[in-house]
Amino acid sequence: MIDITPFETTINNLKKAGKYRVFNDILRENGQFPYALWYGEYGVKTIVNWCSNDYLGMGQNKIVLDAMRTALDKTGAGAGGTRNISGTTHYHIILEHELASLHKKPAALLYSSAYVANEWTIIALSKIIPNIHFISDQKNHNSIIVGISYSRKPKTIFQNNNLKELEQIFQTVKANNEIPCIIFESVYSMDGDVSRIQEICDLADKYQAITYIDEVHAVGLYGKEGAGKLEELGLQDRVDIVNGTLGKAFGVQGGYIATDATVIDAIRSIAAGFIFTTSLSPITCAGAFSAIKYLRKNPELREKHQERATLLKNKLKAAGVNIMPSTTHIVPVLIGNAEKAKSISDQLLTDYGIYVQAINYPTVAIGTERLRFAPTPYHTNQMIDDLVDALTDLL
């Protein structure tokens, strides 16, 4: 029988440090986004969700829902197998073609999540390229960190956006006759800042490095067709491998990479996290396909999204709220203490009907604990004013 003592100790230590994660029981109401129902300790309450990654509300878009209902009626619930064993449907094929087209790449590969896509693509690269050396930005997502760790290949971490340090690392790696692979994100989701993509690509070209970018918090949101920061900056041909998600701006679930067709063919033959798991439901693929098609032709939601984020930032600044220097749609409010961040989050929910999750270590560094707000096109002026007033009361 398992001894639960070490588990109790772990939980108690997390609670004492203000780092215990609470999973709020909420229910999204179709057609009412960003309103939701919160099932609290003493009853049910209508709240406004300010921390959803469904950045554009596509998870409740009628076009997406109609496509998913049609797929459900046509195919049933699940895929019925791994991609290699009966789990590749027409929906998977057309979605991968659409993703490849979106990113101006020859091919794309679906995974169960963007986390798995990062983790197992990196591991696959380590098996395919024996002398690879991973160079990773310090602020990269946990999926990248874990993928590099599990690859058991040499790695070097550089300070976020520090190009001088990055070039020195490139020089060392090349001197060791290794193949450098630079991995970075376009939008860093906890700070809301953007990587120096063009300069990184210039250095990568200089030292013949493989380039790998995570566009998870940019796809659907930036660029003429919503392909991300690479499209917005005109750099889609400068990066070898693009990682993206279907679970944020596109409103459903799943992840993917887009790159050269031969690279895709090799990775899908090697990556165990792709090979040995049930494929995405065709229903999910149908919804994602429709969401991407819609957002490629209709930039209005992206434009409204940016306008809402700018308005929220301006009103918070005018009220004297300490916003971290985000240059994107993400609005992080610095608290600087784990217990205080959790307390304010709880008060906003119980007293004001405002839901925002506290972000603590290990997601962010100790001393930089924050509330991370994600405005959407559907947050009204009144919702923004209510949030600003509530924060002014509590901070």
Protein backbone atom coordinates (compact mmCIF):
# COMPACT_ATOMS: atom_id res chain seq x y z
CA MET A 1 0.00 0.00 0.00
CA ILE A 2 1.26 3.46 -0.90
CA ASP A 3 2.32 5.78 1.93
CA ILE A 4 0.49 9.08 1.41
CA THR A 5 2.72 11.00 3.85
CA PRO A 6 5.12 12.44 1.22
CA PHE A 7 2.14 13.48 -0.88
CA GLU A 8 0.54 15.28 2.07
CA THR A 9 3.86 16.98 2.80
CA THR A 10 4.12 18.15 -0.80
CA ILE A 11 0.61 19.61 -0.78
CA ASN A 12 1.08 21.31 2.61
CA ASN A 13 4.37 22.87 1.51
CA LEU A 14 2.74 24.23 -1.65
CA LYS A 15 -0.13 25.71 0.35
CA LYS A 16 2.21 27.35 2.87
CA ALA A 17 4.19 28.96 0.06
CA GLY A 18 1.04 30.19 -1.70
CA LYS A 19 1.85 28.01 -4.72
CA TYR A 20 -0.95 25.46 -4.45
CA ARG A 21 -2.92 25.34 -7.68
CA VAL A 22 -6.68 25.66 -7.41
CA PHE A 23 -8.78 24.30 -10.27
CA ASN A 24 -11.91 26.45 -10.34
CA ASP A 25 -15.06 24.63 -11.43
CA ILE A 26 -16.47 26.80 -14.21
CA LEU A 27 -18.89 26.17 -17.06
CA ARG A 28 -18.75 28.16 -20.25
CA GLU A 29 -22.16 29.20 -21.51
CA ASN A 30 -22.50 28.80 -25.25
CA GLY A 31 -23.35 32.14 -26.84
CA GLN A 32 -22.56 34.11 -23.68
CA PHE A 33 -18.76 34.28 -23.83
CA PRO A 34 -16.90 35.65 -21.84
CA TYR A 35 -19.59 35.01 -19.22
CA ALA A 36 -19.39 31.67 -17.45
CA LEU A 37 -20.86 29.91 -14.43
CA TRP A 38 -18.65 29.35 -11.40
CA TYR A 39 -19.56 26.48 -9.11
CA GLY A 40 -18.16 27.78 -5.86
CA GLU A 41 -18.22 26.37 -2.36
CA TYR A 42 -21.56 27.97 -1.51
CA GLY A 43 -23.39 28.04 -4.79
CA VAL A 44 -23.39 28.94 -8.46
CA LYS A 45 -22.44 32.42 -9.66
CA THR A 46 -22.21 34.16 -13.04
CA ILE A 47 -18.70 35.48 -13.64
CA VAL A 48 -16.69 37.20 -16.38
CA ASN A 49 -13.74 35.12 -17.55
CA TRP A 50 -10.60 37.24 -17.96
CA CYS A 51 -8.02 34.46 -18.33
CA SER A 52 -9.27 32.24 -21.14
CA ASN A 53 -6.85 31.31 -23.90
CA ASP A 54 -9.80 31.19 -26.29
CA TYR A 55 -8.52 34.59 -27.35
CA LEU A 56 -11.05 35.25 -30.10
CA GLY A 57 -14.02 33.31 -28.75
CA MET A 58 -13.83 30.87 -31.67
CA GLY A 59 -14.76 28.03 -29.33
CA GLN A 60 -18.31 29.36 -29.51
CA ASN A 61 -18.33 30.65 -33.08
CA LYS A 62 -21.37 29.39 -35.00
CA ILE A 63 -19.34 28.44 -38.07
CA VAL A 64 -17.05 26.28 -35.95
CA LEU A 65 -19.90 24.67 -34.04
CA ASP A 66 -21.85 23.91 -37.21
CA ALA A 67 -18.80 22.21 -38.73
CA MET A 68 -18.32 20.13 -35.61
CA ARG A 69 -21.98 19.09 -35.48
CA THR A 70 -21.81 17.99 -39.11
CA ALA A 71 -18.66 15.98 -38.43
CA LEU A 72 -20.26 14.38 -35.36
CA ASP A 73 -23.29 13.28 -37.38
CA LYS A 74 -21.09 12.00 -40.19
CA THR A 75 -18.26 10.26 -38.32
CA GLY A 76 -19.28 9.66 -34.69
CA ALA A 77 -17.32 10.73 -31.65
CA GLY A 78 -13.71 9.58 -31.92
CA ALA A 79 -11.02 8.80 -34.46
CA GLY A 80 -10.94 5.13 -33.53
CA GLY A 81 -7.19 4.61 -33.50
CA THR A 82 -3.71 5.98 -33.91
CA ARG A 83 -2.90 7.87 -37.06
CA ASN A 84 -1.20 4.83 -38.57
CA ILE A 85 -3.94 2.36 -37.57
CA SER A 86 -7.31 3.63 -38.83
CA GLY A 87 -7.00 7.06 -37.18
CA THR A 88 -6.26 9.18 -40.26
CA THR A 89 -9.53 10.56 -41.61
CA HIS A 90 -10.25 12.99 -44.39
CA TYR A 91 -10.66 15.68 -41.72
CA HIS A 92 -7.08 15.14 -40.54
CA ILE A 93 -5.75 15.35 -44.08
CA ILE A 94 -7.51 18.58 -45.04
CA LEU A 95 -6.60 20.19 -41.72
CA GLU A 96 -2.91 19.42 -42.20
CA HIS A 97 -3.10 20.81 -45.74
CA GLU A 98 -4.74 23.99 -44.43
CA LEU A 99 -2.11 24.43 -41.72
CA ALA A 100 0.68 23.97 -44.23
CA SER A 101 -0.93 26.56 -46.48
CA LEU A 102 -1.42 28.98 -43.58
CA HIS A 103 2.28 28.89 -42.70
CA LYS A 104 3.51 28.77 -46.31
CA LYS A 105 5.17 25.41 -45.70
CA PRO A 106 5.02 22.22 -47.81
CA ALA A 107 3.53 20.08 -45.02
CA ALA A 108 2.15 19.98 -41.48
CA LEU A 109 1.72 17.33 -38.80
CA LEU A 110 -1.03 17.18 -36.17
CA TYR A 111 -0.36 16.21 -32.56
CA SER A 112 -2.70 15.81 -29.60
CA SER A 113 -1.48 19.16 -28.20
CA ALA A 114 1.09 21.83 -28.89
CA TYR A 115 2.91 20.66 -25.76
CA VAL A 116 3.29 17.17 -27.21
CA ALA A 117 4.20 18.68 -30.59
CA ASN A 118 7.11 20.59 -29.05
CA GLU A 119 8.25 17.78 -26.80
CA TRP A 120 8.25 14.99 -29.38
CA THR A 121 9.40 17.01 -32.36
CA ILE A 122 12.48 18.01 -30.39
CA ILE A 123 13.08 14.41 -29.30
CA ALA A 124 12.65 13.24 -32.89
CA LEU A 125 15.15 15.84 -34.12
CA SER A 126 17.68 14.49 -31.63
CA LYS A 127 17.27 10.98 -33.06
CA ILE A 128 17.45 12.10 -36.69
CA ILE A 129 20.42 14.50 -36.30
CA PRO A 130 23.03 12.81 -34.07
CA ASN A 131 25.25 15.88 -33.59
CA ILE A 132 22.48 18.40 -32.94
CA HIS A 133 22.99 21.03 -30.22
CA PHE A 134 19.87 22.77 -28.91
CA ILE A 135 20.08 26.48 -28.15
CA SER A 136 17.07 27.60 -26.14
CA ASP A 137 15.77 30.97 -24.98
CA GLN A 138 15.61 31.22 -21.19
CA LYS A 139 11.88 32.04 -21.27
CA ASN A 140 10.88 29.10 -23.46
CA HIS A 141 7.82 27.05 -22.52
CA ASN A 142 8.04 23.97 -20.32
CA SER A 143 7.26 21.75 -23.30
CA ILE A 144 10.47 22.91 -24.97
CA ILE A 145 12.48 22.54 -21.78
CA VAL A 146 11.22 18.99 -21.24
CA GLY A 147 11.69 18.01 -24.88
CA ILE A 148 15.30 19.16 -24.84
CA SER A 149 15.90 17.41 -21.51
CA TYR A 150 14.47 14.12 -22.77
CA SER A 151 16.48 14.39 -25.98
CA ARG A 152 19.70 13.89 -23.98
CA LYS A 153 21.53 16.07 -26.45
CA PRO A 154 23.81 19.03 -25.65
CA LYS A 155 21.97 22.23 -24.86
CA THR A 156 22.81 25.83 -24.11
CA ILE A 157 20.41 28.41 -22.65
CA PHE A 158 20.68 32.08 -23.54
CA GLN A 159 19.14 35.08 -21.81
CA ASN A 160 15.86 36.19 -23.36
CA ASN A 161 16.53 38.10 -26.60
CA ASN A 162 20.24 38.51 -25.81
CA LEU A 163 21.70 38.47 -29.31
CA LYS A 164 25.31 39.01 -28.24
CA GLU A 165 25.20 35.96 -26.01
CA LEU A 166 23.38 33.99 -28.70
CA GLU A 167 26.09 34.69 -31.27
CA GLN A 168 28.79 33.58 -28.85
CA ILE A 169 26.92 30.31 -28.35
CA PHE A 170 26.59 29.80 -32.09
CA GLN A 171 30.34 30.29 -32.47
CA THR A 172 31.10 27.72 -29.76
CA VAL A 173 28.68 25.15 -31.15
CA LYS A 174 30.04 25.48 -34.69
CA ALA A 175 33.62 25.22 -33.36
CA ASN A 176 32.64 21.87 -31.82
CA ASN A 177 31.38 20.63 -35.22
CA GLU A 178 27.82 20.37 -33.92
CA ILE A 179 24.63 21.41 -35.72
CA PRO A 180 22.99 24.31 -33.86
CA CYS A 181 19.21 24.32 -33.51
CA ILE A 182 17.85 27.59 -32.13
CA ILE A 183 14.47 27.26 -30.41
CA PHE A 184 12.50 30.34 -29.40
CA GLU A 185 8.96 31.67 -29.11
CA SER A 186 7.39 34.53 -31.01
CA VAL A 187 5.19 35.74 -28.14
CA TYR A 188 6.19 34.94 -24.57
CA SER A 189 2.86 34.39 -22.93
CA MET A 190 3.59 35.34 -19.33
CA ASP A 191 5.25 38.69 -20.11
CA GLY A 192 3.53 39.50 -23.38
CA ASP A 193 6.78 40.46 -25.11
CA VAL A 194 7.98 39.45 -28.57
CA SER A 195 11.28 37.83 -29.52
CA ARG A 196 13.73 39.56 -31.85
CA ILE A 197 12.78 37.23 -34.66
CA GLN A 198 14.52 38.85 -37.62
CA GLU A 199 17.83 39.32 -35.78
CA ILE A 200 17.70 35.71 -34.52
CA CYS A 201 17.07 34.49 -38.07
CA ASP A 202 19.97 36.60 -39.36
CA LEU A 203 22.32 34.97 -36.83
CA ALA A 204 20.94 31.53 -37.60
CA ASP A 205 21.64 32.07 -41.31
CA LYS A 206 25.16 33.24 -40.53
CA TYR A 207 25.94 30.07 -38.57
CA GLN A 208 23.84 27.61 -40.65
CA ALA A 209 21.53 26.85 -37.74
CA ILE A 210 18.19 25.07 -37.76
CA THR A 211 15.43 27.47 -36.70
CA TYR A 212 12.44 26.35 -34.63
CA ILE A 213 9.77 28.80 -33.44
CA ASP A 214 6.81 28.35 -31.11
CA GLU A 215 3.95 30.55 -32.36
CA VAL A 216 1.35 29.19 -29.94
CA HIS A 217 0.30 32.60 -28.59
CA ALA A 218 0.44 34.27 -32.01
CA VAL A 219 -1.33 31.97 -34.49
CA GLY A 220 -4.77 33.28 -35.37
CA LEU A 221 -3.93 36.65 -33.83
CA TYR A 222 -1.21 38.27 -35.93
CA GLY A 223 -0.52 38.59 -39.63
CA LYS A 224 -2.84 39.30 -42.55
CA GLU A 225 -4.31 35.78 -42.44
CA GLY A 226 -3.55 34.99 -38.80
CA ALA A 227 -0.45 32.86 -39.37
CA GLY A 228 1.36 34.58 -36.50
CA LYS A 229 4.26 36.92 -35.96
CA LEU A 230 6.29 35.42 -38.79
CA GLU A 231 3.58 36.41 -41.25
CA GLU A 232 3.17 39.84 -39.68
CA LEU A 233 6.91 40.50 -40.07
CA GLY A 234 7.23 38.89 -43.51
CA LEU A 235 9.54 36.16 -42.21
CA GLN A 236 7.68 32.94 -42.96
CA ASP A 237 10.45 31.72 -45.24
CA ARG A 238 13.16 32.34 -42.62
CA VAL A 239 12.18 29.68 -40.05
CA ASP A 240 12.48 25.94 -40.66
CA ILE A 241 9.93 24.55 -38.19
CA VAL A 242 6.83 26.31 -36.84
CA ASN A 243 4.95 25.01 -33.81
CA GLY A 244 1.35 26.10 -33.26
CA THR A 245 -1.81 25.27 -31.38
CA LEU A 246 -5.46 24.74 -32.21
CA GLY A 247 -6.43 25.28 -28.56
CA LYS A 248 -6.10 29.04 -28.22
CA ALA A 249 -7.07 31.51 -30.97
CA PHE A 250 -8.61 28.72 -33.07
CA GLY A 251 -10.81 27.73 -30.14
CA VAL A 252 -10.62 23.92 -30.13
CA GLN A 253 -7.83 21.50 -29.17
CA GLY A 254 -4.61 20.03 -30.52
CA GLY A 255 -1.21 21.13 -31.77
CA TYR A 256 0.95 20.86 -34.85
CA ILE A 257 4.19 21.62 -36.62
CA ALA A 258 4.62 22.94 -40.16
CA THR A 259 7.83 22.50 -42.14
CA ASP A 260 9.42 20.73 -45.11
CA ALA A 261 7.58 17.61 -46.31
CA THR A 262 10.60 15.32 -45.93
CA VAL A 263 11.18 16.62 -42.40
CA ILE A 264 7.54 15.89 -41.57
CA ASP A 265 7.78 12.39 -43.03
CA ALA A 266 10.83 11.57 -40.93
CA ILE A 267 9.44 13.07 -37.71
CA ARG A 268 6.11 11.27 -37.97
CA SER A 269 8.05 8.01 -38.43
CA ILE A 270 10.18 8.60 -35.32
CA ALA A 271 8.17 10.64 -32.77
CA ALA A 272 6.68 8.19 -30.27
CA GLY A 273 4.35 10.86 -28.87
CA PHE A 274 2.74 11.01 -32.30
CA ILE A 275 2.91 7.33 -33.24
CA PHE A 276 1.52 5.68 -30.13
CA THR A 277 -1.44 7.88 -29.21
CA THR A 278 -5.02 8.00 -30.44
CA SER A 279 -5.41 10.68 -33.08
CA LEU A 280 -7.48 13.82 -32.63
CA SER A 281 -11.21 13.39 -33.01
CA PRO A 282 -12.45 14.21 -36.53
CA ILE A 283 -14.93 16.54 -34.82
CA THR A 284 -12.07 18.59 -33.41
CA CYS A 285 -10.33 18.61 -36.79
CA ALA A 286 -13.50 19.84 -38.49
CA GLY A 287 -13.85 22.68 -36.01
CA ALA A 288 -10.20 23.67 -36.32
CA PHE A 289 -10.37 23.62 -40.12
CA SER A 290 -13.38 25.93 -40.13
CA ALA A 291 -11.84 28.27 -37.55
CA ILE A 292 -8.64 28.63 -39.57
CA LYS A 293 -10.51 29.17 -42.84
CA TYR A 294 -12.73 31.79 -41.23
CA LEU A 295 -9.91 33.72 -39.56
CA ARG A 296 -7.79 33.72 -42.72
CA LYS A 297 -10.53 35.63 -44.55
CA ASN A 298 -11.97 37.71 -41.70
CA PRO A 299 -9.44 39.90 -39.84
CA GLU A 300 -12.13 41.82 -37.95
CA LEU A 301 -11.86 39.71 -34.80
CA ARG A 302 -8.08 40.19 -34.69
CA GLU A 303 -8.49 43.93 -35.07
CA LYS A 304 -11.12 44.11 -32.32
CA HIS A 305 -8.96 41.92 -30.11
CA GLN A 306 -6.04 44.33 -30.36
CA GLU A 307 -8.31 47.32 -29.75
CA ARG A 308 -9.69 45.74 -26.56
CA ALA A 309 -6.21 44.90 -25.28
CA THR A 310 -4.99 48.44 -25.92
CA LEU A 311 -8.01 49.95 -24.19
CA LEU A 312 -7.54 47.74 -21.12
CA LYS A 313 -3.85 48.62 -20.87
CA ASN A 314 -4.55 52.35 -21.18
CA LYS A 315 -7.27 52.30 -18.53
CA LEU A 316 -5.16 50.26 -16.12
CA LYS A 317 -2.20 52.61 -16.58
CA ALA A 318 -4.43 55.63 -16.03
CA ALA A 319 -5.62 54.05 -12.78
CA GLY A 320 -2.04 53.55 -11.60
CA VAL A 321 -2.06 49.75 -11.88
CA ASN A 322 1.41 48.23 -12.32
CA ILE A 323 1.27 46.62 -15.77
CA MET A 324 4.32 44.73 -16.96
CA PRO A 325 5.69 46.07 -20.30
CA SER A 326 3.70 43.86 -22.66
CA THR A 327 3.72 44.71 -26.36
CA THR A 328 1.03 42.18 -27.29
CA HIS A 329 -2.55 41.24 -26.40
CA ILE A 330 -1.47 39.80 -23.05
CA VAL A 331 -1.94 42.12 -20.06
CA PRO A 332 0.11 41.01 -17.02
CA VAL A 333 -0.35 42.92 -13.76
CA LEU A 334 2.64 42.54 -11.45
CA ILE A 335 1.85 41.57 -7.86
CA GLY A 336 5.25 40.27 -6.74
CA ASN A 337 4.08 37.91 -4.01
CA ALA A 338 2.50 34.48 -4.37
CA GLU A 339 0.13 34.70 -1.41
CA LYS A 340 -1.02 38.20 -2.35
CA ALA A 341 -1.60 37.20 -5.95
CA LYS A 342 -3.71 34.25 -4.85
CA SER A 343 -5.64 36.40 -2.37
CA ILE A 344 -6.46 39.07 -4.95
CA SER A 345 -7.49 36.39 -7.46
CA ASP A 346 -9.84 34.89 -4.86
CA GLN A 347 -11.33 38.27 -3.95
CA LEU A 348 -11.92 39.21 -7.56
CA LEU A 349 -13.82 35.98 -8.08
CA THR A 350 -15.90 35.91 -4.90
CA ASP A 351 -16.58 39.62 -4.44
CA TYR A 352 -16.58 41.00 -7.97
CA GLY A 353 -17.45 38.06 -10.23
CA ILE A 354 -14.15 38.48 -12.11
CA TYR A 355 -12.13 35.35 -12.86
CA VAL A 356 -8.37 35.65 -13.38
CA GLN A 357 -5.94 32.99 -12.23
CA ALA A 358 -2.88 33.94 -10.19
CA ILE A 359 0.39 33.04 -11.95
CA ASN A 360 3.06 31.87 -9.52
CA TYR A 361 6.33 29.89 -9.50
CA PRO A 362 7.37 27.71 -11.31
CA THR A 363 5.44 29.26 -14.23
CA VAL A 364 7.12 32.61 -13.44
CA ALA A 365 10.12 33.50 -11.30
CA ILE A 366 9.69 34.09 -7.58
CA GLY A 367 9.08 37.77 -6.95
CA THR A 368 7.33 38.27 -10.31
CA GLU A 369 3.99 36.68 -9.42
CA ARG A 370 1.20 38.25 -11.40
CA LEU A 371 -2.38 38.31 -12.61
CA ARG A 372 -2.47 37.64 -16.34
CA PHE A 373 -5.46 39.16 -18.15
CA ALA A 374 -6.48 38.03 -21.62
CA PRO A 375 -9.01 40.47 -23.11
CA THR A 376 -11.07 39.22 -26.04
CA PRO A 377 -13.16 40.96 -28.71
CA TYR A 378 -16.19 40.21 -26.53
CA HIS A 379 -15.11 42.02 -23.36
CA THR A 380 -17.25 45.15 -23.29
CA ASN A 381 -16.34 48.66 -22.12
CA GLN A 382 -18.39 48.03 -19.00
CA MET A 383 -16.50 44.81 -18.25
CA ILE A 384 -13.21 46.67 -18.66
CA ASP A 385 -14.34 49.49 -16.36
CA ASP A 386 -15.55 47.00 -13.75
CA LEU A 387 -12.20 45.23 -13.81
CA VAL A 388 -10.22 48.45 -13.47
CA ASP A 389 -12.41 49.57 -10.54
CA ALA A 390 -12.03 46.20 -8.81
CA LEU A 391 -8.26 46.19 -9.14
CA THR A 392 -8.08 49.76 -7.91
CA ASP A 393 -10.01 48.71 -4.81
CA LEU A 394 -7.79 45.70 -4.08
CA LEU A 395 -4.28 46.85 -4.96
